[in-house]
């Protein structure tokens, strides 16, 4: 598992930061199927955050099919087919873009302007 970090100054809740980082590692294949995740207690201690915060991230990962939990053993990366991972990746990007498109509409940024911005960013 790549190291995780949280920014307490971010607008994004800490549990969401953890969810995003772990789900991204799973989708990219950095975290392989059946890899044991650190315990909630251990992760909370390492990151200096609440156990409840980490628990919420783990629950969200499980609800969205990224991990499974075995009572008394821990939480593991769920085996996903390549097409399932591709679908999850596309869904994640689509959700993020929905927010950008909504903000763009509020700021009267045209579709063409937005596509140009995305294209420029993609080339960086």
C-alpha atoms as a PDB file:
ATOM      1  CA  UNK A   1       0.000   0.000   0.000  1.00  0.00           C
ATOM      2  CA  UNK A   2       1.304   3.416  -0.946  1.00  0.00           C
ATOM      3  CA  UNK A   3       1.461   5.760   1.997  1.00  0.00           C
ATOM      4  CA  UNK A   4      -1.680   7.693   2.761  1.00  0.00           C
ATOM      5  CA  UNK A   5      -1.841  11.296   3.804  1.00  0.00           C
ATOM      6  CA  UNK A   6      -4.585  13.592   4.967  1.00  0.00           C
ATOM      7  CA  UNK A   7      -4.839  17.349   4.812  1.00  0.00           C
ATOM      8  CA  UNK A   8      -6.770  18.804   7.700  1.00  0.00           C
ATOM      9  CA  UNK A   9      -6.968  22.139   5.866  1.00  0.00           C
ATOM     10  CA  UNK A  10      -8.742  20.577   2.878  1.00  0.00           C
ATOM     11  CA  UNK A  11     -12.424  21.175   2.169  1.00  0.00           C
ATOM     12  CA  UNK A  12     -12.704  17.414   1.563  1.00  0.00           C
ATOM     13  CA  UNK A  13     -13.546  15.434   4.721  1.00  0.00           C
ATOM     14  CA  UNK A  14     -10.731  13.194   5.967  1.00  0.00           C
ATOM     15  CA  UNK A  15     -12.758  10.003   5.511  1.00  0.00           C
ATOM     16  CA  UNK A  16     -13.330  10.994   1.866  1.00  0.00           C
ATOM     17  CA  UNK A  17      -9.613  11.686   1.379  1.00  0.00           C
ATOM     18  CA  UNK A  18      -8.840   8.184   2.670  1.00  0.00           C
ATOM     19  CA  UNK A  19     -11.563   6.629   0.528  1.00  0.00           C
ATOM     20  CA  UNK A  20     -10.297   8.443  -2.576  1.00  0.00           C
ATOM     21  CA  UNK A  21      -6.671   7.437  -2.031  1.00  0.00           C
ATOM     22  CA  UNK A  22      -7.388   3.764  -1.292  1.00  0.00           C
ATOM     23  CA  UNK A  23      -9.981   3.313  -4.029  1.00  0.00           C
ATOM     24  CA  UNK A  24      -7.554   4.932  -6.464  1.00  0.00           C
ATOM     25  CA  UNK A  25      -4.802   2.501  -5.456  1.00  0.00           C
ATOM     26  CA  UNK A  26      -7.200  -0.408  -5.980  1.00  0.00           C
ATOM     27  CA  UNK A  27      -8.349   0.816  -9.394  1.00  0.00           C
ATOM     28  CA  UNK A  28      -4.747   1.423 -10.529  1.00  0.00           C
ATOM     29  CA  UNK A  29      -3.788  -2.058  -9.367  1.00  0.00           C
ATOM     30  CA  UNK A  30      -1.334  -0.830  -6.729  1.00  0.00           C
ATOM     31  CA  UNK A  31      -3.396  -2.659  -4.115  1.00  0.00           C
ATOM     32  CA  UNK A  32      -3.960  -6.216  -5.284  1.00  0.00           C
ATOM     33  CA  UNK A  33      -6.868  -8.529  -4.495  1.00  0.00           C
ATOM     34  CA  UNK A  34      -6.843 -10.069  -1.021  1.00  0.00           C
ATOM     35  CA  UNK A  35      -4.295  -7.561   0.315  1.00  0.00           C
ATOM     36  CA  UNK A  36      -4.906  -6.984   4.012  1.00  0.00           C
ATOM     37  CA  UNK A  37      -5.519  -3.334   4.842  1.00  0.00           C
ATOM     38  CA  UNK A  38      -4.149  -1.911   8.078  1.00  0.00           C
ATOM     39  CA  UNK A  39      -6.558  -2.171  10.981  1.00  0.00           C
ATOM     40  CA  UNK A  40      -8.817   0.800  11.591  1.00  0.00           C
ATOM     41  CA  UNK A  41      -7.150   1.427  14.931  1.00  0.00           C
ATOM     42  CA  UNK A  42      -3.628   1.250  13.469  1.00  0.00           C
ATOM     43  CA  UNK A  43      -4.502   3.540  10.555  1.00  0.00           C
ATOM     44  CA  UNK A  44      -6.133   6.072  12.875  1.00  0.00           C
ATOM     45  CA  UNK A  45      -3.030   6.110  15.067  1.00  0.00           C
ATOM     46  CA  UNK A  46      -0.627   6.468  12.103  1.00  0.00           C
ATOM     47  CA  UNK A  47      -2.613   9.325  10.563  1.00  0.00           C
ATOM     48  CA  UNK A  48      -3.494  10.882  13.930  1.00  0.00           C
ATOM     49  CA  UNK A  49      -7.188  10.920  13.169  1.00  0.00           C
ATOM     50  CA  UNK A  50     -10.275   9.541  14.865  1.00  0.00           C
ATOM     51  CA  UNK A  51     -11.045   5.835  14.706  1.00  0.00           C
ATOM     52  CA  UNK A  52     -14.563   6.823  13.656  1.00  0.00           C
ATOM     53  CA  UNK A  53     -13.131   8.705  10.647  1.00  0.00           C
ATOM     54  CA  UNK A  54     -11.159   5.681   9.422  1.00  0.00           C
ATOM     55  CA  UNK A  55     -14.114   3.379  10.139  1.00  0.00           C
ATOM     56  CA  UNK A  56     -16.310   5.580   7.956  1.00  0.00           C
ATOM     57  CA  UNK A  57     -13.779   5.378   5.093  1.00  0.00           C
ATOM     58  CA  UNK A  58     -13.558   1.568   5.418  1.00  0.00           C
ATOM     59  CA  UNK A  59     -17.373   1.291   5.459  1.00  0.00           C
ATOM     60  CA  UNK A  60     -17.619   3.411   2.321  1.00  0.00           C
ATOM     61  CA  UNK A  61     -14.971   1.277   0.607  1.00  0.00           C
ATOM     62  CA  UNK A  62     -16.929  -1.842   1.508  1.00  0.00           C
ATOM     63  CA  UNK A  63     -20.284  -0.385   0.410  1.00  0.00           C
ATOM     64  CA  UNK A  64     -18.790   0.473  -2.974  1.00  0.00           C
ATOM     65  CA  UNK A  65     -17.296  -2.965  -3.506  1.00  0.00           C
ATOM     66  CA  UNK A  66     -13.610  -2.171  -3.066  1.00  0.00           C
ATOM     67  CA  UNK A  67     -12.982  -4.201   0.089  1.00  0.00           C
ATOM     68  CA  UNK A  68     -14.530  -6.943   2.190  1.00  0.00           C
ATOM     69  CA  UNK A  69     -14.224  -7.583   5.902  1.00  0.00           C
ATOM     70  CA  UNK A  70     -13.725 -10.872   7.697  1.00  0.00           C
ATOM     71  CA  UNK A  71     -14.784 -10.653  11.343  1.00  0.00           C
ATOM     72  CA  UNK A  72     -11.783 -10.934  13.629  1.00  0.00           C
ATOM     73  CA  UNK A  73      -9.357 -10.976  10.700  1.00  0.00           C
ATOM     74  CA  UNK A  74      -9.558  -7.552   9.070  1.00  0.00           C
ATOM     75  CA  UNK A  75     -10.432  -5.879   5.804  1.00  0.00           C
ATOM     76  CA  UNK A  76      -9.102  -7.066   2.463  1.00  0.00           C
ATOM     77  CA  UNK A  77      -9.067  -5.748  -1.086  1.00  0.00           C
ATOM     78  CA  UNK A  78     -11.906  -7.371  -2.999  1.00  0.00           C
ATOM     79  CA  UNK A  79     -11.139  -9.234  -6.203  1.00  0.00           C
ATOM     80  CA  UNK A  80     -12.486  -7.280  -9.145  1.00  0.00           C
ATOM     81  CA  UNK A  81     -12.433  -8.129 -12.817  1.00  0.00           C
ATOM     82  CA  UNK A  82     -10.631  -5.754 -15.170  1.00  0.00           C
ATOM     83  CA  UNK A  83     -13.985  -4.546 -16.513  1.00  0.00           C
ATOM     84  CA  UNK A  84     -15.275  -3.868 -12.989  1.00  0.00           C
ATOM     85  CA  UNK A  85     -12.159  -1.821 -12.191  1.00  0.00           C
ATOM     86  CA  UNK A  86     -12.497   0.073 -15.469  1.00  0.00           C
ATOM     87  CA  UNK A  87     -16.130   0.798 -14.644  1.00  0.00           C
ATOM     88  CA  UNK A  88     -15.201   2.036 -11.152  1.00  0.00           C
ATOM     89  CA  UNK A  89     -12.462   4.238 -12.625  1.00  0.00           C
ATOM     90  CA  UNK A  90     -14.853   5.781 -15.156  1.00  0.00           C
ATOM     91  CA  UNK A  91     -17.500   6.284 -12.484  1.00  0.00           C
ATOM     92  CA  UNK A  92     -15.011   8.073 -10.226  1.00  0.00           C
ATOM     93  CA  UNK A  93     -13.880  10.413 -13.003  1.00  0.00           C
ATOM     94  CA  UNK A  94     -17.475  11.024 -14.091  1.00  0.00           C
ATOM     95  CA  UNK A  95     -18.496  11.979 -10.546  1.00  0.00           C
ATOM     96  CA  UNK A  96     -15.607  14.438 -10.274  1.00  0.00           C
ATOM     97  CA  UNK A  97     -16.420  15.940 -13.654  1.00  0.00           C
ATOM     98  CA  UNK A  98     -20.072  16.426 -12.672  1.00  0.00           C
ATOM     99  CA  UNK A  99     -18.924  18.833  -9.988  1.00  0.00           C
ATOM    100  CA  UNK A 100     -16.631  20.666 -12.418  1.00  0.00           C
ATOM    101  CA  UNK A 101     -19.366  20.960 -15.042  1.00  0.00           C
ATOM    102  CA  UNK A 102     -21.807  22.253 -12.431  1.00  0.00           C
ATOM    103  CA  UNK A 103     -19.296  24.867 -11.262  1.00  0.00           C
ATOM    104  CA  UNK A 104     -18.533  25.809 -14.872  1.00  0.00           C
ATOM    105  CA  UNK A 105     -22.218  26.404 -15.559  1.00  0.00           C
ATOM    106  CA  UNK A 106     -22.510  28.577 -12.454  1.00  0.00           C
ATOM    107  CA  UNK A 107     -19.551  30.657 -13.658  1.00  0.00           C
ATOM    108  CA  UNK A 108     -20.828  30.826 -17.255  1.00  0.00           C
ATOM    109  CA  UNK A 109     -17.858  28.912 -18.647  1.00  0.00           C
ATOM    110  CA  UNK A 110     -18.833  27.586 -22.057  1.00  0.00           C
ATOM    111  CA  UNK A 111     -18.503  23.941 -23.046  1.00  0.00           C
ATOM    112  CA  UNK A 112     -15.755  24.898 -25.500  1.00  0.00           C
ATOM    113  CA  UNK A 113     -13.841  26.823 -22.821  1.00  0.00           C
ATOM    114  CA  UNK A 114     -14.166  23.941 -20.396  1.00  0.00           C
ATOM    115  CA  UNK A 115     -12.970  21.408 -22.967  1.00  0.00           C
ATOM    116  CA  UNK A 116      -9.974  23.642 -23.719  1.00  0.00           C
ATOM    117  CA  UNK A 117      -9.130  23.845 -20.005  1.00  0.00           C
ATOM    118  CA  UNK A 118      -9.410  20.074 -19.635  1.00  0.00           C
ATOM    119  CA  UNK A 119      -7.291  19.527 -22.728  1.00  0.00           C
ATOM    120  CA  UNK A 120      -4.615  21.918 -21.451  1.00  0.00           C
ATOM    121  CA  UNK A 121      -4.597  20.257 -18.037  1.00  0.00           C
ATOM    122  CA  UNK A 122      -4.368  16.818 -19.579  1.00  0.00           C
ATOM    123  CA  UNK A 123      -1.261  17.885 -21.518  1.00  0.00           C
ATOM    124  CA  UNK A 124       0.536  19.091 -18.349  1.00  0.00           C
END
